[in-house]
């Protein structure tokens, strides 16, 4: 992994305020000071706003692995607002990093015996009236190439029940789904 962010482009925008070089340099240096190895910052946008005596700073970071981190803070001084919002962003980045590290630790293998169950095969052979199957709902889903670890991280960060992705290692379509017990399952095609 990369130790430092590789000079991400930083845009500083002002609402109801003219951006001076001092404020722009201050915000830029603070964002460049965020040197965490995960997530890697691709683009940063700083929005500064002044309304009466309220100075608001908002930062939006676009990071690798489709991660977007947003935070805003409002105080009576613009420099204090920038410092406070940088602290919030750093906490969120550490949160993503610890989640990432937690999922990439070697897992302990638990071996347990499963009870053998025999099913009644006659129940499967009952004849039902023939009917043409129909699709109840059709949806187009954009398939992104990613590794399984990235897909797991994406599922942890979202509330979706499944994720369809192109496995970058095997170059086959995989489905990662959330099981009823809260764990994740992976469906890999086998054409053998």
N, C-alpha and C. Protein backbone atom coordinates (compact mmCIF):
# COMPACT_ATOMS: atom_id res chain seq x y z
N UNK A 1 0.83 -1.20 0.00
CA UNK A 1 0.00 0.00 0.00
C UNK A 1 0.86 1.25 0.00
N UNK A 2 0.25 2.29 -0.42
CA UNK A 2 0.96 3.56 -0.51
C UNK A 2 0.95 4.24 0.87
N UNK A 3 2.09 4.78 1.27
CA UNK A 3 2.21 5.39 2.59
C UNK A 3 1.61 6.78 2.61
N UNK A 4 1.73 7.52 1.54
CA UNK A 4 1.22 8.89 1.49
C UNK A 4 0.36 9.07 0.25
N UNK A 5 -0.56 10.00 0.34
CA UNK A 5 -1.38 10.31 -0.81
C UNK A 5 -0.54 11.08 -1.82
N UNK A 6 -0.66 10.70 -3.07
CA UNK A 6 0.21 11.24 -4.12
C UNK A 6 -0.31 12.57 -4.63
N UNK A 7 -0.15 13.62 -3.85
CA UNK A 7 -0.54 14.98 -4.22
C UNK A 7 -1.89 15.05 -4.93
N UNK A 8 -2.97 14.79 -4.20
CA UNK A 8 -4.28 14.82 -4.84
C UNK A 8 -4.64 16.25 -5.25
N UNK A 9 -5.39 16.41 -6.33
CA UNK A 9 -5.83 17.76 -6.70
C UNK A 9 -6.82 18.28 -5.65
N UNK A 10 -6.61 19.49 -5.19
CA UNK A 10 -7.45 20.07 -4.14
C UNK A 10 -8.10 21.33 -4.70
N UNK A 11 -9.43 21.37 -4.67
CA UNK A 11 -10.17 22.55 -5.11
C UNK A 11 -10.73 23.25 -3.88
N UNK A 12 -10.55 24.55 -3.81
CA UNK A 12 -11.08 25.35 -2.70
C UNK A 12 -12.10 26.31 -3.30
N UNK A 13 -13.35 26.20 -2.84
CA UNK A 13 -14.45 27.01 -3.36
C UNK A 13 -15.01 27.85 -2.22
N UNK A 14 -15.40 29.07 -2.53
CA UNK A 14 -15.98 29.95 -1.51
C UNK A 14 -17.42 30.32 -1.84
N UNK A 15 -18.25 30.31 -0.84
CA UNK A 15 -19.64 30.78 -0.94
C UNK A 15 -19.76 32.00 -0.03
N UNK A 16 -20.16 33.09 -0.58
CA UNK A 16 -20.32 34.34 0.17
C UNK A 16 -18.99 34.81 0.77
N UNK A 17 -17.88 34.37 0.19
CA UNK A 17 -16.57 34.76 0.68
C UNK A 17 -15.60 34.70 -0.51
N UNK A 18 -14.68 35.65 -0.53
CA UNK A 18 -13.63 35.59 -1.54
C UNK A 18 -12.46 34.82 -0.93
N UNK A 19 -11.97 33.85 -1.66
CA UNK A 19 -10.91 32.98 -1.15
C UNK A 19 -9.56 33.70 -1.31
N UNK A 20 -8.93 33.96 -0.18
CA UNK A 20 -7.60 34.57 -0.22
C UNK A 20 -6.55 33.48 -0.35
N UNK A 21 -5.35 33.88 -0.74
CA UNK A 21 -4.27 32.91 -0.88
C UNK A 21 -3.92 32.26 0.46
N UNK A 22 -4.04 33.04 1.55
CA UNK A 22 -3.70 32.51 2.87
C UNK A 22 -4.66 31.39 3.27
N UNK A 23 -5.96 31.59 3.06
CA UNK A 23 -6.95 30.56 3.42
C UNK A 23 -6.78 29.34 2.51
N UNK A 24 -6.55 29.58 1.22
CA UNK A 24 -6.38 28.49 0.27
C UNK A 24 -5.15 27.66 0.63
N UNK A 25 -4.04 28.31 0.94
CA UNK A 25 -2.82 27.59 1.32
C UNK A 25 -3.01 26.82 2.63
N UNK A 26 -3.73 27.42 3.58
CA UNK A 26 -3.97 26.78 4.87
C UNK A 26 -4.78 25.50 4.68
N UNK A 27 -5.87 25.58 3.90
CA UNK A 27 -6.72 24.41 3.66
C UNK A 27 -5.96 23.34 2.88
N UNK A 28 -5.18 23.77 1.90
CA UNK A 28 -4.42 22.82 1.08
C UNK A 28 -3.38 22.08 1.92
N UNK A 29 -2.66 22.80 2.77
CA UNK A 29 -1.64 22.16 3.61
C UNK A 29 -2.27 21.20 4.61
N UNK A 30 -3.44 21.55 5.13
CA UNK A 30 -4.12 20.65 6.08
C UNK A 30 -4.53 19.35 5.40
N UNK A 31 -5.06 19.43 4.18
CA UNK A 31 -5.47 18.21 3.48
C UNK A 31 -4.26 17.39 3.06
N UNK A 32 -3.19 18.05 2.64
CA UNK A 32 -1.97 17.32 2.29
C UNK A 32 -1.36 16.65 3.52
N UNK A 33 -1.71 17.12 4.71
CA UNK A 33 -1.21 16.52 5.94
C UNK A 33 -1.92 15.24 6.32
N UNK A 34 -2.98 14.88 5.62
CA UNK A 34 -3.69 13.63 5.90
C UNK A 34 -2.92 12.49 5.23
N UNK A 35 -1.92 11.95 5.90
CA UNK A 35 -1.09 10.91 5.31
C UNK A 35 -1.43 9.56 5.90
N UNK A 36 -2.58 9.06 5.56
CA UNK A 36 -2.93 7.70 5.93
C UNK A 36 -2.76 6.84 4.69
N UNK A 37 -2.39 5.57 4.87
CA UNK A 37 -2.18 4.72 3.71
C UNK A 37 -3.49 4.16 3.15
N UNK A 38 -4.58 4.32 3.86
CA UNK A 38 -5.88 3.89 3.34
C UNK A 38 -6.95 4.78 3.91
N UNK A 39 -7.89 5.23 3.19
CA UNK A 39 -8.04 5.13 1.75
C UNK A 39 -7.21 6.19 1.04
N UNK A 40 -6.75 5.87 -0.15
CA UNK A 40 -5.94 6.80 -0.95
C UNK A 40 -6.85 7.89 -1.51
N UNK A 41 -6.48 9.15 -1.28
CA UNK A 41 -7.29 10.28 -1.75
C UNK A 41 -7.01 10.51 -3.23
N UNK A 42 -8.06 10.54 -4.03
CA UNK A 42 -7.94 10.80 -5.46
C UNK A 42 -8.20 12.27 -5.75
N UNK A 43 -9.21 12.85 -5.10
CA UNK A 43 -9.59 14.24 -5.35
C UNK A 43 -10.17 14.81 -4.06
N UNK A 44 -9.94 16.09 -3.81
CA UNK A 44 -10.45 16.74 -2.60
C UNK A 44 -11.12 18.05 -2.99
N UNK A 45 -12.24 18.34 -2.34
CA UNK A 45 -12.97 19.58 -2.59
C UNK A 45 -13.29 20.23 -1.24
N UNK A 46 -12.84 21.47 -1.07
CA UNK A 46 -13.07 22.22 0.16
C UNK A 46 -14.05 23.34 -0.18
N UNK A 47 -15.14 23.42 0.58
CA UNK A 47 -16.16 24.46 0.37
C UNK A 47 -16.20 25.30 1.64
N UNK A 48 -15.92 26.60 1.50
CA UNK A 48 -15.93 27.52 2.63
C UNK A 48 -17.12 28.46 2.47
N UNK A 49 -17.85 28.69 3.56
CA UNK A 49 -19.07 29.50 3.50
C UNK A 49 -19.11 30.42 4.72
N UNK A 50 -19.55 31.67 4.49
CA UNK A 50 -19.69 32.63 5.59
C UNK A 50 -21.11 33.19 5.54
N UNK A 51 -21.81 33.10 6.66
CA UNK A 51 -23.14 33.68 6.80
C UNK A 51 -23.19 34.38 8.15
N UNK A 52 -23.26 35.68 8.11
CA UNK A 52 -23.20 36.53 9.31
C UNK A 52 -21.95 36.19 10.11
N UNK A 53 -22.10 35.64 11.30
CA UNK A 53 -20.94 35.33 12.14
C UNK A 53 -20.62 33.83 12.16
N UNK A 54 -21.21 33.11 11.24
CA UNK A 54 -20.97 31.66 11.19
C UNK A 54 -20.04 31.35 10.02
N UNK A 55 -18.94 30.69 10.31
CA UNK A 55 -17.97 30.30 9.29
C UNK A 55 -18.03 28.78 9.18
N UNK A 56 -18.44 28.30 8.00
CA UNK A 56 -18.61 26.87 7.81
C UNK A 56 -17.57 26.36 6.81
N UNK A 57 -16.95 25.24 7.15
CA UNK A 57 -16.00 24.56 6.27
C UNK A 57 -16.52 23.15 6.02
N UNK A 58 -16.54 22.77 4.75
CA UNK A 58 -17.00 21.44 4.36
C UNK A 58 -15.93 20.83 3.45
N UNK A 59 -15.61 19.57 3.70
CA UNK A 59 -14.62 18.87 2.88
C UNK A 59 -15.24 17.59 2.34
N UNK A 60 -15.02 17.37 1.04
CA UNK A 60 -15.48 16.15 0.39
C UNK A 60 -14.25 15.50 -0.23
N UNK A 61 -13.95 14.28 0.20
CA UNK A 61 -12.81 13.53 -0.33
C UNK A 61 -13.32 12.38 -1.18
N UNK A 62 -12.82 12.31 -2.40
CA UNK A 62 -13.12 11.19 -3.28
C UNK A 62 -11.89 10.28 -3.22
N UNK A 63 -12.09 9.06 -2.72
CA UNK A 63 -10.97 8.16 -2.47
C UNK A 63 -11.05 6.93 -3.37
N UNK A 64 -10.00 6.12 -3.32
CA UNK A 64 -9.97 4.88 -4.08
C UNK A 64 -11.03 3.92 -3.55
N UNK A 65 -11.33 2.89 -4.31
CA UNK A 65 -12.32 1.87 -3.96
C UNK A 65 -13.72 2.46 -3.81
N UNK A 66 -14.01 3.52 -4.54
CA UNK A 66 -15.34 4.14 -4.59
C UNK A 66 -15.79 4.65 -3.23
N UNK A 67 -14.86 5.15 -2.43
CA UNK A 67 -15.18 5.67 -1.10
C UNK A 67 -15.25 7.19 -1.17
N UNK A 68 -16.33 7.76 -0.65
CA UNK A 68 -16.48 9.21 -0.56
C UNK A 68 -16.64 9.56 0.91
N UNK A 69 -15.80 10.48 1.39
CA UNK A 69 -15.85 10.89 2.79
C UNK A 69 -16.21 12.37 2.82
N UNK A 70 -17.25 12.70 3.61
CA UNK A 70 -17.70 14.09 3.72
C UNK A 70 -17.78 14.48 5.19
N UNK A 71 -17.47 15.75 5.45
CA UNK A 71 -17.61 16.28 6.80
C UNK A 71 -17.73 17.80 6.71
N UNK A 72 -18.44 18.38 7.68
CA UNK A 72 -18.55 19.84 7.73
C UNK A 72 -18.54 20.28 9.19
N UNK A 73 -18.10 21.50 9.40
CA UNK A 73 -18.01 22.06 10.76
C UNK A 73 -18.28 23.55 10.67
N UNK A 74 -18.90 24.09 11.71
CA UNK A 74 -19.26 25.51 11.73
C UNK A 74 -18.83 26.12 13.06
N UNK A 75 -18.03 27.19 12.99
CA UNK A 75 -17.60 27.91 14.19
C UNK A 75 -17.64 29.41 13.89
N UNK A 76 -17.04 30.20 14.77
CA UNK A 76 -17.02 31.65 14.58
C UNK A 76 -15.76 32.13 13.87
N UNK A 77 -14.83 31.21 13.55
CA UNK A 77 -13.59 31.56 12.87
C UNK A 77 -13.33 30.54 11.76
N UNK A 78 -12.93 30.98 10.58
CA UNK A 78 -12.74 30.10 9.44
C UNK A 78 -11.61 29.11 9.67
N UNK A 79 -10.50 29.57 10.25
CA UNK A 79 -9.37 28.68 10.49
C UNK A 79 -9.73 27.60 11.51
N UNK A 80 -10.51 27.95 12.51
CA UNK A 80 -10.96 26.97 13.50
C UNK A 80 -11.89 25.96 12.84
N UNK A 81 -12.75 26.43 11.93
CA UNK A 81 -13.66 25.52 11.22
C UNK A 81 -12.87 24.53 10.37
N UNK A 82 -11.84 25.02 9.71
CA UNK A 82 -11.01 24.13 8.87
C UNK A 82 -10.32 23.09 9.74
N UNK A 83 -9.76 23.50 10.88
CA UNK A 83 -9.10 22.56 11.78
C UNK A 83 -10.07 21.49 12.28
N UNK A 84 -11.28 21.92 12.66
CA UNK A 84 -12.27 20.98 13.20
C UNK A 84 -12.73 19.98 12.14
N UNK A 85 -12.94 20.46 10.92
CA UNK A 85 -13.40 19.54 9.87
C UNK A 85 -12.28 18.58 9.45
N UNK A 86 -11.03 19.01 9.51
CA UNK A 86 -9.90 18.11 9.22
C UNK A 86 -9.84 17.01 10.27
N UNK A 87 -10.09 17.35 11.54
CA UNK A 87 -10.12 16.33 12.60
C UNK A 87 -11.21 15.30 12.35
N UNK A 88 -12.40 15.77 11.91
CA UNK A 88 -13.49 14.84 11.62
C UNK A 88 -13.12 13.91 10.46
N UNK A 89 -12.53 14.49 9.41
CA UNK A 89 -12.14 13.70 8.25
C UNK A 89 -11.09 12.66 8.64
N UNK A 90 -10.12 13.05 9.46
CA UNK A 90 -9.07 12.12 9.88
C UNK A 90 -9.67 10.95 10.68
N UNK A 91 -10.67 11.24 11.54
CA UNK A 91 -11.33 10.17 12.30
C UNK A 91 -12.05 9.21 11.36
N UNK A 92 -12.74 9.75 10.35
CA UNK A 92 -13.45 8.89 9.41
C UNK A 92 -12.48 8.04 8.60
N UNK A 93 -11.34 8.62 8.21
CA UNK A 93 -10.35 7.85 7.46
C UNK A 93 -9.76 6.73 8.32
N UNK A 94 -9.52 7.01 9.60
CA UNK A 94 -9.02 5.96 10.50
C UNK A 94 -10.06 4.85 10.66
N UNK A 95 -11.33 5.23 10.68
CA UNK A 95 -12.42 4.25 10.79
C UNK A 95 -12.41 3.32 9.57
N UNK A 96 -12.28 3.88 8.37
CA UNK A 96 -12.21 3.06 7.17
C UNK A 96 -10.98 2.15 7.20
N UNK A 97 -9.86 2.69 7.68
CA UNK A 97 -8.62 1.91 7.71
C UNK A 97 -8.74 0.73 8.68
N UNK A 98 -9.33 0.96 9.87
CA UNK A 98 -9.46 -0.14 10.82
C UNK A 98 -10.44 -1.20 10.30
N UNK A 99 -11.51 -0.78 9.63
CA UNK A 99 -12.43 -1.76 9.04
C UNK A 99 -11.72 -2.57 7.98
N UNK A 100 -10.91 -1.90 7.17
CA UNK A 100 -10.17 -2.59 6.12
C UNK A 100 -9.20 -3.59 6.73
N UNK A 101 -8.47 -3.19 7.76
CA UNK A 101 -7.50 -4.08 8.38
C UNK A 101 -8.19 -5.24 9.09
N UNK A 102 -9.33 -4.99 9.69
CA UNK A 102 -10.06 -6.03 10.40
C UNK A 102 -10.49 -7.14 9.44
N UNK A 103 -10.83 -6.76 8.21
CA UNK A 103 -11.30 -7.76 7.25
C UNK A 103 -10.16 -8.47 6.52
N UNK A 104 -8.94 -7.97 6.65
CA UNK A 104 -7.83 -8.59 5.96
C UNK A 104 -6.90 -9.34 6.89
N UNK A 105 -7.30 -9.55 8.11
CA UNK A 105 -6.52 -10.37 9.03
C UNK A 105 -6.75 -11.84 8.70
N UNK A 106 -5.74 -12.67 8.93
CA UNK A 106 -5.99 -14.10 8.73
C UNK A 106 -7.03 -14.59 9.73
N UNK A 107 -8.00 -15.28 9.23
CA UNK A 107 -9.08 -15.74 10.09
C UNK A 107 -8.74 -17.10 10.68
N UNK A 108 -9.21 -17.33 11.90
CA UNK A 108 -9.01 -18.61 12.53
C UNK A 108 -10.03 -19.58 11.95
N UNK A 109 -9.56 -20.75 11.64
CA UNK A 109 -10.43 -21.75 11.05
C UNK A 109 -11.16 -22.50 12.17
N UNK A 110 -12.46 -22.50 12.11
CA UNK A 110 -13.26 -23.27 13.05
C UNK A 110 -13.81 -24.49 12.31
N UNK A 111 -13.41 -25.67 12.75
CA UNK A 111 -13.89 -26.90 12.12
C UNK A 111 -14.93 -27.50 13.04
N UNK A 112 -16.06 -27.78 12.45
CA UNK A 112 -17.12 -28.39 13.23
C UNK A 112 -17.84 -29.41 12.37
N UNK A 113 -18.42 -30.39 13.00
CA UNK A 113 -19.13 -31.42 12.25
C UNK A 113 -20.56 -30.98 12.04
N UNK A 114 -21.06 -31.29 10.88
CA UNK A 114 -22.44 -30.99 10.57
C UNK A 114 -23.24 -32.29 10.62
N UNK A 115 -24.46 -32.19 11.08
CA UNK A 115 -25.30 -33.37 11.13
C UNK A 115 -25.71 -33.76 9.72
N UNK A 116 -25.77 -35.05 9.49
CA UNK A 116 -26.19 -35.54 8.18
C UNK A 116 -27.70 -35.57 8.16
N UNK A 117 -28.26 -35.02 7.10
CA UNK A 117 -29.71 -34.98 6.97
C UNK A 117 -30.10 -35.64 5.66
N UNK A 118 -31.13 -36.47 5.70
CA UNK A 118 -31.62 -37.15 4.51
C UNK A 118 -32.99 -36.57 4.20
N UNK A 119 -33.15 -36.15 2.96
CA UNK A 119 -34.42 -35.56 2.55
C UNK A 119 -35.26 -36.60 1.82
N UNK A 120 -36.55 -36.45 1.93
CA UNK A 120 -37.47 -37.32 1.22
C UNK A 120 -37.48 -36.89 -0.24
N UNK A 121 -37.03 -37.79 -1.12
CA UNK A 121 -36.94 -37.45 -2.54
C UNK A 121 -38.29 -37.41 -3.22
N UNK A 122 -39.29 -38.06 -2.63
CA UNK A 122 -40.62 -38.06 -3.25
C UNK A 122 -41.23 -36.66 -3.26
N UNK A 123 -40.89 -35.86 -2.28
CA UNK A 123 -41.45 -34.51 -2.22
C UNK A 123 -40.96 -33.66 -3.38
N UNK A 124 -39.79 -33.98 -3.90
CA UNK A 124 -39.25 -33.20 -5.00
C UNK A 124 -39.82 -33.62 -6.36
N UNK A 125 -40.40 -34.79 -6.43
CA UNK A 125 -40.88 -35.29 -7.71
C UNK A 125 -42.38 -35.14 -7.88
N UNK A 126 -43.03 -34.43 -7.00
CA UNK A 126 -44.46 -34.21 -7.16
C UNK A 126 -44.69 -33.36 -8.41
N UNK A 127 -45.67 -33.73 -9.16
CA UNK A 127 -45.93 -33.00 -10.39
C UNK A 127 -46.82 -31.81 -10.11
N UNK A 128 -46.44 -30.72 -10.70
CA UNK A 128 -47.21 -29.50 -10.57
C UNK A 128 -47.70 -29.13 -11.96
N UNK A 129 -48.77 -28.39 -12.02
CA UNK A 129 -49.24 -27.99 -13.34
C UNK A 129 -48.19 -27.11 -14.01
N UNK A 130 -47.97 -27.37 -15.31
CA UNK A 130 -46.95 -26.63 -16.03
C UNK A 130 -47.41 -25.21 -16.29
N UNK A 131 -46.53 -24.28 -16.03
CA UNK A 131 -46.81 -22.88 -16.33
C UNK A 131 -45.52 -22.24 -16.81
N UNK A 132 -45.65 -21.29 -17.66
CA UNK A 132 -44.47 -20.61 -18.19
C UNK A 132 -43.92 -19.68 -17.12
N UNK A 133 -42.62 -19.77 -16.85
CA UNK A 133 -42.04 -18.85 -15.86
C UNK A 133 -41.97 -17.44 -16.44
N UNK A 134 -42.25 -16.49 -15.58
CA UNK A 134 -42.19 -15.10 -16.01
C UNK A 134 -41.30 -14.33 -15.05
N UNK A 135 -40.61 -13.34 -15.59
CA UNK A 135 -39.75 -12.49 -14.76
C UNK A 135 -40.63 -11.46 -14.08
N UNK A 136 -40.55 -11.39 -12.77
CA UNK A 136 -41.36 -10.43 -12.03
C UNK A 136 -40.76 -9.04 -12.07
N UNK A 137 -39.44 -8.99 -12.04
CA UNK A 137 -38.77 -7.68 -11.99
C UNK A 137 -37.45 -7.78 -12.74
N UNK A 138 -37.18 -6.85 -13.63
CA UNK A 138 -35.92 -6.81 -14.37
C UNK A 138 -35.18 -5.55 -14.01
N UNK A 139 -33.89 -5.71 -13.76
CA UNK A 139 -33.08 -4.55 -13.37
C UNK A 139 -31.70 -4.68 -14.00
N UNK A 140 -31.20 -3.57 -14.56
CA UNK A 140 -29.84 -3.57 -15.10
C UNK A 140 -28.90 -3.18 -13.98
N UNK A 141 -27.77 -3.86 -13.91
CA UNK A 141 -26.84 -3.67 -12.82
C UNK A 141 -25.45 -3.50 -13.41
N UNK A 142 -24.79 -2.39 -13.11
CA UNK A 142 -23.45 -2.10 -13.63
C UNK A 142 -22.44 -2.96 -12.88
N UNK A 143 -21.67 -3.73 -13.62
CA UNK A 143 -20.69 -4.65 -13.04
C UNK A 143 -19.31 -4.00 -13.11
N UNK A 144 -18.69 -3.84 -11.94
CA UNK A 144 -17.38 -3.21 -11.85
C UNK A 144 -16.32 -4.27 -11.59
N UNK A 145 -15.14 -4.16 -12.21
CA UNK A 145 -14.06 -5.10 -11.88
C UNK A 145 -13.43 -4.73 -10.54
N UNK A 146 -13.33 -5.70 -9.64
CA UNK A 146 -12.69 -5.48 -8.34
C UNK A 146 -12.28 -6.82 -7.75
N UNK A 147 -11.39 -6.76 -6.77
CA UNK A 147 -10.97 -7.95 -6.07
C UNK A 147 -12.01 -8.29 -5.00
N UNK A 148 -11.97 -9.51 -4.49
CA UNK A 148 -12.94 -9.96 -3.49
C UNK A 148 -12.84 -9.11 -2.23
N UNK A 149 -11.61 -8.74 -1.83
CA UNK A 149 -11.42 -7.93 -0.63
C UNK A 149 -12.10 -6.56 -0.78
N UNK A 150 -11.99 -5.97 -1.97
CA UNK A 150 -12.64 -4.69 -2.22
C UNK A 150 -14.15 -4.83 -2.20
N UNK A 151 -14.66 -5.94 -2.72
CA UNK A 151 -16.10 -6.17 -2.72
C UNK A 151 -16.62 -6.35 -1.29
N UNK A 152 -15.86 -7.04 -0.47
CA UNK A 152 -16.25 -7.22 0.94
C UNK A 152 -16.30 -5.88 1.65
N UNK A 153 -15.30 -5.05 1.41
CA UNK A 153 -15.28 -3.72 2.02
C UNK A 153 -16.46 -2.89 1.54
N UNK A 154 -16.77 -2.97 0.26
CA UNK A 154 -17.91 -2.23 -0.30
C UNK A 154 -19.22 -2.68 0.35
N UNK A 155 -19.39 -3.99 0.58
CA UNK A 155 -20.60 -4.51 1.22
C UNK A 155 -20.69 -4.05 2.67
N UNK A 156 -19.55 -4.01 3.37
CA UNK A 156 -19.55 -3.58 4.76
C UNK A 156 -19.97 -2.12 4.89
N UNK A 157 -19.60 -1.30 3.91
CA UNK A 157 -19.90 0.12 3.96
C UNK A 157 -21.30 0.46 3.47
N UNK A 158 -22.00 -0.51 2.88
CA UNK A 158 -23.33 -0.22 2.35
C UNK A 158 -24.36 -1.11 3.03
N UNK A 159 -25.60 -0.83 2.75
CA UNK A 159 -26.69 -1.64 3.32
C UNK A 159 -27.31 -2.55 2.28
N UNK A 160 -26.66 -2.71 1.13
CA UNK A 160 -27.18 -3.56 0.06
C UNK A 160 -27.15 -5.02 0.49
N UNK A 161 -28.05 -5.81 -0.10
CA UNK A 161 -28.12 -7.23 0.23
C UNK A 161 -27.17 -8.06 -0.63
N UNK A 162 -26.78 -7.54 -1.79
CA UNK A 162 -25.87 -8.27 -2.65
C UNK A 162 -25.06 -7.30 -3.49
N UNK A 163 -23.97 -7.80 -4.07
CA UNK A 163 -23.11 -7.01 -4.94
C UNK A 163 -22.64 -7.91 -6.07
N UNK A 164 -22.91 -7.52 -7.30
CA UNK A 164 -22.44 -8.26 -8.47
C UNK A 164 -21.20 -7.54 -8.97
N UNK A 165 -20.10 -8.29 -9.16
CA UNK A 165 -18.87 -7.67 -9.60
C UNK A 165 -18.08 -8.63 -10.47
N UNK A 166 -17.17 -8.08 -11.25
CA UNK A 166 -16.27 -8.87 -12.08
C UNK A 166 -15.01 -9.10 -11.27
N UNK A 167 -14.75 -10.36 -10.91
CA UNK A 167 -13.59 -10.69 -10.10
C UNK A 167 -12.34 -10.39 -10.92
N UNK A 168 -11.51 -9.47 -10.44
CA UNK A 168 -10.32 -9.05 -11.16
C UNK A 168 -9.28 -10.17 -11.24
N UNK A 169 -9.34 -11.12 -10.33
CA UNK A 169 -8.37 -12.21 -10.33
C UNK A 169 -8.77 -13.31 -11.31
N UNK A 170 -10.03 -13.76 -11.26
CA UNK A 170 -10.47 -14.85 -12.12
C UNK A 170 -11.15 -14.38 -13.39
N UNK A 171 -11.47 -13.08 -13.48
CA UNK A 171 -12.15 -12.47 -14.62
C UNK A 171 -13.50 -13.13 -14.90
N UNK A 172 -14.21 -13.50 -13.83
CA UNK A 172 -15.55 -14.09 -13.93
C UNK A 172 -16.50 -13.26 -13.07
N UNK A 173 -17.76 -13.29 -13.42
CA UNK A 173 -18.78 -12.59 -12.65
C UNK A 173 -18.98 -13.32 -11.33
N UNK A 174 -18.92 -12.59 -10.21
CA UNK A 174 -19.17 -13.14 -8.88
C UNK A 174 -20.29 -12.36 -8.22
N UNK A 175 -20.93 -13.00 -7.25
CA UNK A 175 -21.99 -12.35 -6.48
C UNK A 175 -21.64 -12.49 -5.00
N UNK A 176 -21.56 -11.36 -4.33
CA UNK A 176 -21.34 -11.33 -2.88
C UNK A 176 -22.66 -10.96 -2.25
N UNK A 177 -23.13 -11.77 -1.30
CA UNK A 177 -24.44 -11.52 -0.71
C UNK A 177 -24.38 -11.58 0.81
N UNK A 178 -25.35 -10.91 1.43
CA UNK A 178 -25.45 -10.87 2.88
C UNK A 178 -26.36 -12.01 3.33
N UNK A 179 -25.84 -12.87 4.22
CA UNK A 179 -26.62 -14.01 4.71
C UNK A 179 -27.50 -13.58 5.88
N UNK A 180 -28.44 -14.43 6.25
CA UNK A 180 -29.37 -14.11 7.33
C UNK A 180 -28.66 -13.96 8.67
N UNK A 181 -27.54 -14.67 8.87
CA UNK A 181 -26.82 -14.58 10.13
C UNK A 181 -25.87 -13.39 10.19
N UNK A 182 -25.86 -12.55 9.12
CA UNK A 182 -25.04 -11.35 9.11
C UNK A 182 -23.70 -11.51 8.41
N UNK A 183 -23.28 -12.76 8.18
CA UNK A 183 -22.03 -13.00 7.47
C UNK A 183 -22.25 -12.80 5.98
N UNK A 184 -21.16 -12.81 5.23
CA UNK A 184 -21.25 -12.63 3.79
C UNK A 184 -20.98 -13.95 3.09
N UNK A 185 -21.64 -14.18 1.95
CA UNK A 185 -21.42 -15.36 1.13
C UNK A 185 -20.97 -14.93 -0.26
N UNK A 186 -20.23 -15.80 -0.93
CA UNK A 186 -19.71 -15.48 -2.26
C UNK A 186 -20.13 -16.59 -3.22
N UNK A 187 -20.70 -16.21 -4.34
CA UNK A 187 -21.08 -17.16 -5.38
C UNK A 187 -20.11 -16.98 -6.53
N UNK A 188 -19.39 -18.07 -6.87
CA UNK A 188 -18.45 -18.05 -7.97
C UNK A 188 -18.92 -19.06 -9.01
N UNK A 189 -18.92 -18.69 -10.29
CA UNK A 189 -19.36 -19.65 -11.31
C UNK A 189 -18.31 -20.73 -11.55
N UNK A 190 -18.79 -21.93 -11.86
CA UNK A 190 -17.90 -23.05 -12.19
C UNK A 190 -18.44 -23.66 -13.47
N UNK A 191 -17.69 -23.54 -14.55
CA UNK A 191 -18.13 -24.05 -15.85
C UNK A 191 -17.52 -25.41 -16.15
N UNK A 192 -17.24 -26.18 -15.12
CA UNK A 192 -16.55 -27.45 -15.32
C UNK A 192 -17.42 -28.63 -15.29
